[in-house]
Amino acid sequence: LADPETTRFLYGRRARPRTPPSLDELSDWAHRTLAD
């Protein structure tokens, strides 16, 4: 997610976030997703 080539189409017409998600945010997302 820190690689602009990887994310160039990821957000579609939405605005690209100013910074990629942090490692802690991604880890938290994974734990929430696995628990859902």
PDB file of all heavy atoms in Angstrom:
ATOM      1  N   LEU A   1       0.809  -1.216   0.000  1.00  0.00           N
ATOM      2  CA  LEU A   1       0.000   0.000   0.000  1.00  0.00           C
ATOM      3  C   LEU A   1       0.843   1.268   0.000  1.00  0.00           C
ATOM      4  O   LEU A   1       0.322   2.350  -0.252  1.00  0.00           O
ATOM      5  CB  LEU A   1      -0.974  -0.013   1.178  1.00  0.00           C
ATOM      6  CG  LEU A   1      -2.041  -1.114   1.094  1.00  0.00           C
ATOM      7  CD1 LEU A   1      -2.897  -1.127   2.347  1.00  0.00           C
ATOM      8  CD2 LEU A   1      -2.898  -0.983  -0.150  1.00  0.00           C
ATOM      9  N   ALA A   2       2.127   1.135   0.247  1.00  0.00           N
ATOM     10  CA  ALA A   2       3.037   2.282   0.158  1.00  0.00           C
ATOM     11  C   ALA A   2       3.585   2.456  -1.258  1.00  0.00           C
ATOM     12  O   ALA A   2       4.244   3.462  -1.543  1.00  0.00           O
ATOM     13  CB  ALA A   2       4.194   2.116   1.146  1.00  0.00           C
ATOM     14  N   ASP A   3       3.302   1.519  -2.138  1.00  0.00           N
ATOM     15  CA  ASP A   3       3.812   1.543  -3.513  1.00  0.00           C
ATOM     16  C   ASP A   3       2.784   2.192  -4.444  1.00  0.00           C
ATOM     17  O   ASP A   3       1.715   1.629  -4.670  1.00  0.00           O
ATOM     18  CB  ASP A   3       4.111   0.108  -3.962  1.00  0.00           C
ATOM     19  CG  ASP A   3       4.581   0.021  -5.404  1.00  0.00           C
ATOM     20  OD1 ASP A   3       4.828   1.067  -6.036  1.00  0.00           O
ATOM     21  OD2 ASP A   3       4.698  -1.118  -5.902  1.00  0.00           O
ATOM     22  N   PRO A   4       3.083   3.370  -5.001  1.00  0.00           N
ATOM     23  CA  PRO A   4       2.119   4.056  -5.880  1.00  0.00           C
ATOM     24  C   PRO A   4       1.710   3.229  -7.098  1.00  0.00           C
ATOM     25  O   PRO A   4       0.578   3.333  -7.562  1.00  0.00           O
ATOM     26  CB  PRO A   4       2.850   5.324  -6.310  1.00  0.00           C
ATOM     27  CG  PRO A   4       3.941   5.509  -5.323  1.00  0.00           C
ATOM     28  CD  PRO A   4       4.305   4.150  -4.804  1.00  0.00           C
ATOM     29  N   GLU A   5       2.587   2.405  -7.616  1.00  0.00           N
ATOM     30  CA  GLU A   5       2.236   1.563  -8.774  1.00  0.00           C
ATOM     31  C   GLU A   5       1.188   0.520  -8.383  1.00  0.00           C
ATOM     32  O   GLU A   5       0.275   0.231  -9.144  1.00  0.00           O
ATOM     33  CB  GLU A   5       3.494   0.887  -9.344  1.00  0.00           C
ATOM     34  CG  GLU A   5       3.242   0.074 -10.578  1.00  0.00           C
ATOM     35  CD  GLU A   5       2.746   0.887 -11.772  1.00  0.00           C
ATOM     36  OE1 GLU A   5       3.008   2.103 -11.840  1.00  0.00           O
ATOM     37  OE2 GLU A   5       2.077   0.293 -12.652  1.00  0.00           O
ATOM     38  N   THR A   6       1.315  -0.031  -7.192  1.00  0.00           N
ATOM     39  CA  THR A   6       0.353  -1.024  -6.714  1.00  0.00           C
ATOM     40  C   THR A   6      -1.007  -0.391  -6.469  1.00  0.00           C
ATOM     41  O   THR A   6      -2.033  -1.009  -6.728  1.00  0.00           O
ATOM     42  CB  THR A   6       0.873  -1.691  -5.424  1.00  0.00           C
ATOM     43  OG1 THR A   6       2.107  -2.343  -5.719  1.00  0.00           O
ATOM     44  CG2 THR A   6      -0.114  -2.698  -4.869  1.00  0.00           C
ATOM     45  N   THR A   7      -1.028   0.838  -5.998  1.00  0.00           N
ATOM     46  CA  THR A   7      -2.297   1.456  -5.590  1.00  0.00           C
ATOM     47  C   THR A   7      -2.870   2.433  -6.608  1.00  0.00           C
ATOM     48  O   THR A   7      -3.890   3.063  -6.343  1.00  0.00           O
ATOM     49  CB  THR A   7      -2.118   2.184  -4.247  1.00  0.00           C
ATOM     50  OG1 THR A   7      -1.137   3.214  -4.404  1.00  0.00           O
ATOM     51  CG2 THR A   7      -1.718   1.217  -3.142  1.00  0.00           C
ATOM     52  N   ARG A   8      -2.268   2.538  -7.797  1.00  0.00           N
ATOM     53  CA  ARG A   8      -2.710   3.599  -8.711  1.00  0.00           C
ATOM     54  C   ARG A   8      -4.175   3.477  -9.115  1.00  0.00           C
ATOM     55  O   ARG A   8      -4.822   4.477  -9.394  1.00  0.00           O
ATOM     56  CB  ARG A   8      -1.806   3.694  -9.928  1.00  0.00           C
ATOM     57  CG  ARG A   8      -1.991   2.630 -10.957  1.00  0.00           C
ATOM     58  CD  ARG A   8      -1.003   2.816 -12.087  1.00  0.00           C
ATOM     59  NE  ARG A   8      -0.797   1.522 -12.686  1.00  0.00           N
ATOM     60  CZ  ARG A   8      -0.707   1.319 -13.956  1.00  0.00           C
ATOM     61  NH1 ARG A   8      -0.740   2.338 -14.779  1.00  0.00           N
ATOM     62  NH2 ARG A   8      -0.547   0.117 -14.416  1.00  0.00           N
ATOM     63  N   PHE A   9      -4.737   2.263  -9.152  1.00  0.00           N
ATOM     64  CA  PHE A   9      -6.152   2.102  -9.487  1.00  0.00           C
ATOM     65  C   PHE A   9      -6.986   1.663  -8.285  1.00  0.00           C
ATOM     66  O   PHE A   9      -8.185   1.464  -8.396  1.00  0.00           O
ATOM     67  CB  PHE A   9      -6.338   1.075 -10.603  1.00  0.00           C
ATOM     68  CG  PHE A   9      -5.694   1.486 -11.899  1.00  0.00           C
ATOM     69  CD1 PHE A   9      -4.730   0.689 -12.486  1.00  0.00           C
ATOM     70  CD2 PHE A   9      -6.048   2.659 -12.540  1.00  0.00           C
ATOM     71  CE1 PHE A   9      -4.138   1.048 -13.681  1.00  0.00           C
ATOM     72  CE2 PHE A   9      -5.459   3.039 -13.734  1.00  0.00           C
ATOM     73  CZ  PHE A   9      -4.502   2.235 -14.297  1.00  0.00           C
ATOM     74  N   LEU A  10      -6.349   1.495  -7.142  1.00  0.00           N
ATOM     75  CA  LEU A  10      -7.016   0.922  -5.973  1.00  0.00           C
ATOM     76  C   LEU A  10      -8.190   1.757  -5.485  1.00  0.00           C
ATOM     77  O   LEU A  10      -9.206   1.220  -5.064  1.00  0.00           O
ATOM     78  CB  LEU A  10      -5.998   0.742  -4.840  1.00  0.00           C
ATOM     79  CG  LEU A  10      -6.498   0.053  -3.580  1.00  0.00           C
ATOM     80  CD1 LEU A  10      -6.932  -1.373  -3.889  1.00  0.00           C
ATOM     81  CD2 LEU A  10      -5.403   0.053  -2.531  1.00  0.00           C
ATOM     82  N   TYR A  11      -8.072   3.056  -5.555  1.00  0.00           N
ATOM     83  CA  TYR A  11      -9.095   3.919  -4.976  1.00  0.00           C
ATOM     84  C   TYR A  11     -10.113   4.414  -5.993  1.00  0.00           C
ATOM     85  O   TYR A  11     -11.034   5.141  -5.644  1.00  0.00           O
ATOM     86  CB  TYR A  11      -8.426   5.096  -4.257  1.00  0.00           C
ATOM     87  CG  TYR A  11      -7.486   4.611  -3.185  1.00  0.00           C
ATOM     88  CD1 TYR A  11      -6.119   4.597  -3.395  1.00  0.00           C
ATOM     89  CD2 TYR A  11      -7.987   4.102  -1.993  1.00  0.00           C
ATOM     90  CE1 TYR A  11      -5.252   4.110  -2.425  1.00  0.00           C
ATOM     91  CE2 TYR A  11      -7.132   3.606  -1.024  1.00  0.00           C
ATOM     92  CZ  TYR A  11      -5.769   3.617  -1.247  1.00  0.00           C
ATOM     93  OH  TYR A  11      -4.918   3.119  -0.295  1.00  0.00           O
ATOM     94  N   GLY A  12      -9.970   3.995  -7.252  1.00  0.00           N
ATOM     95  CA  GLY A  12     -10.921   4.407  -8.278  1.00  0.00           C
ATOM     96  C   GLY A  12     -10.988   5.914  -8.384  1.00  0.00           C
ATOM     97  O   GLY A  12      -9.976   6.600  -8.422  1.00  0.00           O
ATOM     98  N   ARG A  13     -12.187   6.433  -8.387  1.00  0.00           N
ATOM     99  CA  ARG A  13     -12.382   7.876  -8.520  1.00  0.00           C
ATOM    100  C   ARG A  13     -12.320   8.598  -7.174  1.00  0.00           C
ATOM    101  O   ARG A  13     -12.381   9.812  -7.117  1.00  0.00           O
ATOM    102  CB  ARG A  13     -13.710   8.146  -9.201  1.00  0.00           C
ATOM    103  CG  ARG A  13     -13.734   7.590 -10.620  1.00  0.00           C
ATOM    104  CD  ARG A  13     -15.055   7.945 -11.287  1.00  0.00           C
ATOM    105  NE  ARG A  13     -15.277   7.196 -12.495  1.00  0.00           N
ATOM    106  CZ  ARG A  13     -14.812   7.527 -13.677  1.00  0.00           C
ATOM    107  NH1 ARG A  13     -14.059   8.601 -13.820  1.00  0.00           N
ATOM    108  NH2 ARG A  13     -15.088   6.792 -14.738  1.00  0.00           N
ATOM    109  N   ARG A  14     -12.218   7.815  -6.082  1.00  0.00           N
ATOM    110  CA  ARG A  14     -12.097   8.438  -4.760  1.00  0.00           C
ATOM    111  C   ARG A  14     -10.697   9.025  -4.597  1.00  0.00           C
ATOM    112  O   ARG A  14      -9.750   8.582  -5.235  1.00  0.00           O
ATOM    113  CB  ARG A  14     -12.319   7.401  -3.656  1.00  0.00           C
ATOM    114  CG  ARG A  14     -13.721   6.823  -3.644  1.00  0.00           C
ATOM    115  CD  ARG A  14     -13.802   5.703  -2.660  1.00  0.00           C
ATOM    116  NE  ARG A  14     -12.827   4.678  -3.074  1.00  0.00           N
ATOM    117  CZ  ARG A  14     -12.524   3.611  -2.374  1.00  0.00           C
ATOM    118  NH1 ARG A  14     -13.054   3.418  -1.209  1.00  0.00           N
ATOM    119  NH2 ARG A  14     -11.665   2.731  -2.829  1.00  0.00           N
ATOM    120  N   ALA A  15     -10.584   9.968  -3.716  1.00  0.00           N
ATOM    121  CA  ALA A  15      -9.280  10.577  -3.454  1.00  0.00           C
ATOM    122  C   ALA A  15      -8.367   9.572  -2.760  1.00  0.00           C
ATOM    123  O   ALA A  15      -8.787   8.860  -1.859  1.00  0.00           O
ATOM    124  CB  ALA A  15      -9.456  11.807  -2.578  1.00  0.00           C
ATOM    125  N   ARG A  16      -7.145   9.543  -3.214  1.00  0.00           N
ATOM    126  CA  ARG A  16      -6.132   8.677  -2.605  1.00  0.00           C
ATOM    127  C   ARG A  16      -5.813   9.232  -1.214  1.00  0.00           C
ATOM    128  O   ARG A  16      -5.667  10.440  -1.045  1.00  0.00           O
ATOM    129  CB  ARG A  16      -4.893   8.689  -3.484  1.00  0.00           C
ATOM    130  CG  ARG A  16      -3.706   7.944  -2.925  1.00  0.00           C
ATOM    131  CD  ARG A  16      -2.496   8.125  -3.808  1.00  0.00           C
ATOM    132  NE  ARG A  16      -2.678   7.620  -5.145  1.00  0.00           N
ATOM    133  CZ  ARG A  16      -2.440   6.349  -5.497  1.00  0.00           C
ATOM    134  NH1 ARG A  16      -2.005   5.504  -4.611  1.00  0.00           N
ATOM    135  NH2 ARG A  16      -2.639   5.960  -6.736  1.00  0.00           N
ATOM    136  N   PRO A  17      -5.680   8.363  -0.211  1.00  0.00           N
ATOM    137  CA  PRO A  17      -5.293   8.866   1.113  1.00  0.00           C
ATOM    138  C   PRO A  17      -3.935   9.571   1.046  1.00  0.00           C
ATOM    139  O   PRO A  17      -3.085   9.209   0.232  1.00  0.00           O
ATOM    140  CB  PRO A  17      -5.183   7.596   1.962  1.00  0.00           C
ATOM    141  CG  PRO A  17      -5.892   6.540   1.207  1.00  0.00           C
ATOM    142  CD  PRO A  17      -5.859   6.928  -0.235  1.00  0.00           C
ATOM    143  N   ARG A  18      -3.741  10.552   1.891  1.00  0.00           N
ATOM    144  CA  ARG A  18      -2.468  11.290   1.892  1.00  0.00           C
ATOM    145  C   ARG A  18      -1.302  10.394   2.259  1.00  0.00           C
ATOM    146  O   ARG A  18      -0.194  10.571   1.759  1.00  0.00           O
ATOM    147  CB  ARG A  18      -2.539  12.457   2.865  1.00  0.00           C
ATOM    148  CG  ARG A  18      -3.434  13.546   2.373  1.00  0.00           C
ATOM    149  CD  ARG A  18      -3.479  14.673   3.368  1.00  0.00           C
ATOM    150  NE  ARG A  18      -4.515  15.595   2.957  1.00  0.00           N
ATOM    151  CZ  ARG A  18      -4.440  16.882   3.114  1.00  0.00           C
ATOM    152  NH1 ARG A  18      -3.391  17.414   3.696  1.00  0.00           N
ATOM    153  NH2 ARG A  18      -5.418  17.649   2.720  1.00  0.00           N
ATOM    154  N   THR A  19      -1.542   9.471   3.150  1.00  0.00           N
ATOM    155  CA  THR A  19      -0.509   8.508   3.543  1.00  0.00           C
ATOM    156  C   THR A  19      -1.134   7.120   3.562  1.00  0.00           C
ATOM    157  O   THR A  19      -2.325   6.972   3.834  1.00  0.00           O
ATOM    158  CB  THR A  19       0.059   8.827   4.941  1.00  0.00           C
ATOM    159  OG1 THR A  19      -0.995   8.770   5.895  1.00  0.00           O
ATOM    160  CG2 THR A  19       0.727  10.191   4.977  1.00  0.00           C
ATOM    161  N   PRO A  20      -0.331   6.104   3.278  1.00  0.00           N
ATOM    162  CA  PRO A  20      -0.872   4.747   3.359  1.00  0.00           C
ATOM    163  C   PRO A  20      -1.202   4.393   4.805  1.00  0.00           C
ATOM    164  O   PRO A  20      -0.677   5.021   5.738  1.00  0.00           O
ATOM    165  CB  PRO A  20       0.255   3.869   2.821  1.00  0.00           C
ATOM    166  CG  PRO A  20       1.475   4.697   2.827  1.00  0.00           C
ATOM    167  CD  PRO A  20       1.054   6.131   2.866  1.00  0.00           C
ATOM    168  N   PRO A  21      -2.053   3.403   5.004  1.00  0.00           N
ATOM    169  CA  PRO A  21      -2.359   3.007   6.382  1.00  0.00           C
ATOM    170  C   PRO A  21      -1.084   2.552   7.094  1.00  0.00           C
ATOM    171  O   PRO A  21      -0.174   1.999   6.471  1.00  0.00           O
ATOM    172  CB  PRO A  21      -3.335   1.844   6.233  1.00  0.00           C
ATOM    173  CG  PRO A  21      -3.545   1.637   4.784  1.00  0.00           C
ATOM    174  CD  PRO A  21      -2.715   2.600   4.019  1.00  0.00           C
ATOM    175  N   SER A  22      -1.045   2.775   8.383  1.00  0.00           N
ATOM    176  CA  SER A  22       0.118   2.358   9.166  1.00  0.00           C
ATOM    177  C   SER A  22       0.070   0.843   9.381  1.00  0.00           C
ATOM    178  O   SER A  22      -0.968   0.197   9.207  1.00  0.00           O
ATOM    179  CB  SER A  22       0.127   3.071  10.524  1.00  0.00           C
ATOM    180  OG  SER A  22      -0.919   2.559  11.336  1.00  0.00           O
ATOM    181  N   LEU A  23       1.190   0.307   9.783  1.00  0.00           N
ATOM    182  CA  LEU A  23       1.266  -1.116  10.086  1.00  0.00           C
ATOM    183  C   LEU A  23       0.292  -1.474  11.206  1.00  0.00           C
ATOM    184  O   LEU A  23      -0.393  -2.496  11.134  1.00  0.00           O
ATOM    185  CB  LEU A  23       2.700  -1.489  10.460  1.00  0.00           C
ATOM    186  CG  LEU A  23       2.994  -2.958  10.704  1.00  0.00           C
ATOM    187  CD1 LEU A  23       2.595  -3.805   9.510  1.00  0.00           C
ATOM    188  CD2 LEU A  23       4.474  -3.141  11.015  1.00  0.00           C
ATOM    189  N   ASP A  24       0.177  -0.626  12.214  1.00  0.00           N
ATOM    190  CA  ASP A  24      -0.775  -0.874  13.304  1.00  0.00           C
ATOM    191  C   ASP A  24      -2.218  -0.864  12.802  1.00  0.00           C
ATOM    192  O   ASP A  24      -3.031  -1.686  13.223  1.00  0.00           O
ATOM    193  CB  ASP A  24      -0.610   0.163  14.421  1.00  0.00           C
ATOM    194  CG  ASP A  24       0.645  -0.054  15.246  1.00  0.00           C
ATOM    195  OD1 ASP A  24       1.201  -1.175  15.225  1.00  0.00           O
ATOM    196  OD2 ASP A  24       1.078   0.907  15.908  1.00  0.00           O
ATOM    197  N   GLU A  25      -2.543   0.072  11.910  1.00  0.00           N
ATOM    198  CA  GLU A  25      -3.903   0.131  11.357  1.00  0.00           C
ATOM    199  C   GLU A  25      -4.213  -1.126  10.550  1.00  0.00           C
ATOM    200  O   GLU A  25      -5.324  -1.676  10.634  1.00  0.00           O
ATOM    201  CB  GLU A  25      -4.071   1.369  10.474  1.00  0.00           C
ATOM    202  CG  GLU A  25      -4.110   2.662  11.260  1.00  0.00           C
ATOM    203  CD  GLU A  25      -4.025   3.887  10.363  1.00  0.00           C
ATOM    204  OE1 GLU A  25      -3.352   3.846   9.305  1.00  0.00           O
ATOM    205  OE2 GLU A  25      -4.635   4.904  10.737  1.00  0.00           O
ATOM    206  N   LEU A  26      -3.251  -1.595   9.778  1.00  0.00           N
ATOM    207  CA  LEU A  26      -3.476  -2.802   8.981  1.00  0.00           C
ATOM    208  C   LEU A  26      -3.595  -4.038   9.861  1.00  0.00           C
ATOM    209  O   LEU A  26      -4.432  -4.919   9.602  1.00  0.00           O
ATOM    210  CB  LEU A  26      -2.351  -2.976   7.956  1.00  0.00           C
ATOM    211  CG  LEU A  26      -2.370  -1.945   6.836  1.00  0.00           C
ATOM    212  CD1 LEU A  26      -1.077  -2.016   6.035  1.00  0.00           C
ATOM    213  CD2 LEU A  26      -3.580  -2.138   5.939  1.00  0.00           C
ATOM    214  N   SER A  27      -2.802  -4.109  10.889  1.00  0.00           N
ATOM    215  CA  SER A  27      -2.892  -5.228  11.823  1.00  0.00           C
ATOM    216  C   SER A  27      -4.252  -5.226  12.521  1.00  0.00           C
ATOM    217  O   SER A  27      -4.899  -6.261  12.677  1.00  0.00           O
ATOM    218  CB  SER A  27      -1.757  -5.158  12.836  1.00  0.00           C
ATOM    219  OG  SER A  27      -1.809  -6.239  13.714  1.00  0.00           O
ATOM    220  N   ASP A  28      -4.689  -4.039  12.931  1.00  0.00           N
ATOM    221  CA  ASP A  28      -6.006  -3.905  13.564  1.00  0.00           C
ATOM    222  C   ASP A  28      -7.112  -4.320  12.596  1.00  0.00           C
ATOM    223  O   ASP A  28      -8.048  -5.030  12.972  1.00  0.00           O
ATOM    224  CB  ASP A  28      -6.208  -2.465  14.040  1.00  0.00           C
ATOM    225  CG  ASP A  28      -7.540  -2.278  14.729  1.00  0.00           C
ATOM    226  OD1 ASP A  28      -7.800  -2.994  15.722  1.00  0.00           O
ATOM    227  OD2 ASP A  28      -8.333  -1.417  14.274  1.00  0.00           O
ATOM    228  N   TRP A  29      -7.017  -3.883  11.316  1.00  0.00           N
ATOM    229  CA  TRP A  29      -8.001  -4.276  10.303  1.00  0.00           C
ATOM    230  C   TRP A  29      -8.055  -5.798  10.192  1.00  0.00           C
ATOM    231  O   TRP A  29      -9.137  -6.391  10.145  1.00  0.00           O
ATOM    232  CB  TRP A  29      -7.656  -3.659   8.940  1.00  0.00           C
ATOM    233  CG  TRP A  29      -8.549  -4.181   7.858  1.00  0.00           C
ATOM    234  CD1 TRP A  29      -9.783  -3.712   7.514  1.00  0.00           C
ATOM    235  CD2 TRP A  29      -8.290  -5.296   6.994  1.00  0.00           C
ATOM    236  NE1 TRP A  29     -10.311  -4.469   6.492  1.00  0.00           N
ATOM    237  CE2 TRP A  29      -9.416  -5.443   6.160  1.00  0.00           C
ATOM    238  CE3 TRP A  29      -7.236  -6.181   6.857  1.00  0.00           C
ATOM    239  CZ2 TRP A  29      -9.501  -6.449   5.194  1.00  0.00           C
ATOM    240  CZ3 TRP A  29      -7.319  -7.176   5.896  1.00  0.00           C
ATOM    241  CH2 TRP A  29      -8.443  -7.300   5.084  1.00  0.00           C
ATOM    242  N   ALA A  30      -6.893  -6.446  10.152  1.00  0.00           N
ATOM    243  CA  ALA A  30      -6.853  -7.906  10.022  1.00  0.00           C
ATOM    244  C   ALA A  30      -7.544  -8.579  11.200  1.00  0.00           C
ATOM    245  O   ALA A  30      -8.353  -9.499  11.016  1.00  0.00           O
ATOM    246  CB  ALA A  30      -5.416  -8.388   9.902  1.00  0.00           C
ATOM    247  N   HIS A  31      -7.261  -8.131  12.402  1.00  0.00           N
ATOM    248  CA  HIS A  31      -7.877  -8.742  13.584  1.00  0.00           C
ATOM    249  C   HIS A  31      -9.389  -8.540  13.595  1.00  0.00           C
ATOM    250  O   HIS A  31     -10.143  -9.467  13.912  1.00  0.00           O
ATOM    251  CB  HIS A  31      -7.236  -8.204  14.866  1.00  0.00           C
ATOM    252  CG  HIS A  31      -5.841  -8.701  15.079  1.00  0.00           C
ATOM    253  ND1 HIS A  31      -5.530 -10.013  15.356  1.00  0.00           N
ATOM    254  CD2 HIS A  31      -4.658  -8.047  15.019  1.00  0.00           C
ATOM    255  CE1 HIS A  31      -4.228 -10.155  15.478  1.00  0.00           C
ATOM    256  NE2 HIS A  31      -3.666  -8.980  15.263  1.00  0.00           N
ATOM    257  N   ARG A  32      -9.843  -7.343  13.221  1.00  0.00           N
ATOM    258  CA  ARG A  32     -11.287  -7.093  13.148  1.00  0.00           C
ATOM    259  C   ARG A  32     -11.939  -7.940  12.064  1.00  0.00           C
ATOM    260  O   ARG A  32     -13.022  -8.490  12.263  1.00  0.00           O
ATOM    261  CB  ARG A  32     -11.570  -5.610  12.897  1.00  0.00           C
ATOM    262  CG  ARG A  32     -11.409  -4.747  14.135  1.00  0.00           C
ATOM    263  CD  ARG A  32     -11.782  -3.282  13.893  1.00  0.00           C
ATOM    264  NE  ARG A  32     -10.751  -2.650  13.065  1.00  0.00           N
ATOM    265  CZ  ARG A  32     -10.951  -2.142  11.854  1.00  0.00           C
ATOM    266  NH1 ARG A  32     -12.137  -2.152  11.315  1.00  0.00           N
ATOM    267  NH2 ARG A  32      -9.949  -1.602  11.175  1.00  0.00           N
ATOM    268  N   THR A  33     -11.290  -8.048  10.914  1.00  0.00           N
ATOM    269  CA  THR A  33     -11.843  -8.830   9.812  1.00  0.00           C
ATOM    270  C   THR A  33     -11.934 -10.306  10.186  1.00  0.00           C
ATOM    271  O   THR A  33     -12.940 -10.966   9.924  1.00  0.00           O
ATOM    272  CB  THR A  33     -10.993  -8.636   8.540  1.00  0.00           C
ATOM    273  OG1 THR A  33     -11.077  -7.255   8.167  1.00  0.00           O
ATOM    274  CG2 THR A  33     -11.481  -9.494   7.395  1.00  0.00           C
ATOM    275  N   LEU A  34     -10.892 -10.820  10.793  1.00  0.00           N
ATOM    276  CA  LEU A  34     -10.899 -12.226  11.198  1.00  0.00           C
ATOM    277  C   LEU A  34     -11.946 -12.519  12.264  1.00  0.00           C
ATOM    278  O   LEU A  34     -12.463 -13.633  12.338  1.00  0.00           O
ATOM    279  CB  LEU A  34      -9.514 -12.635  11.683  1.00  0.00           C
ATOM    280  CG  LEU A  34      -8.465 -12.733  10.576  1.00  0.00           C
ATOM    281  CD1 LEU A  34      -7.073 -12.873  11.173  1.00  0.00           C
ATOM    282  CD2 LEU A  34      -8.781 -13.877   9.636  1.00  0.00           C
ATOM    283  N   ALA A  35     -12.270 -11.530  13.081  1.00  0.00           N
ATOM    284  CA  ALA A  35     -13.269 -11.709  14.133  1.00  0.00           C
ATOM    285  C   ALA A  35     -14.693 -11.496  13.638  1.00  0.00           C
ATOM    286  O   ALA A  35     -15.643 -11.829  14.340  1.00  0.00           O
ATOM    287  CB  ALA A  35     -12.980 -10.756  15.289  1.00  0.00           C
ATOM    288  N   ASP A  36     -14.857 -10.968  12.445  1.00  0.00           N
ATOM    289  CA  ASP A  36     -16.178 -10.633  11.908  1.00  0.00           C
ATOM    290  C   ASP A  36     -16.727 -11.813  11.117  1.00  0.00           C
ATOM    291  O   ASP A  36     -16.216 -12.140  10.047  1.00  0.00           O
ATOM    292  CB  ASP A  36     -16.070  -9.403  11.000  1.00  0.00           C
ATOM    293  CG  ASP A  36     -17.415  -8.897  10.515  1.00  0.00           C
ATOM    294  OD1 ASP A  36     -18.414  -9.652  10.577  1.00  0.00           O
ATOM    295  OD2 ASP A  36     -17.469  -7.749  10.058  1.00  0.00           O
TER     296      ASP A  36
END
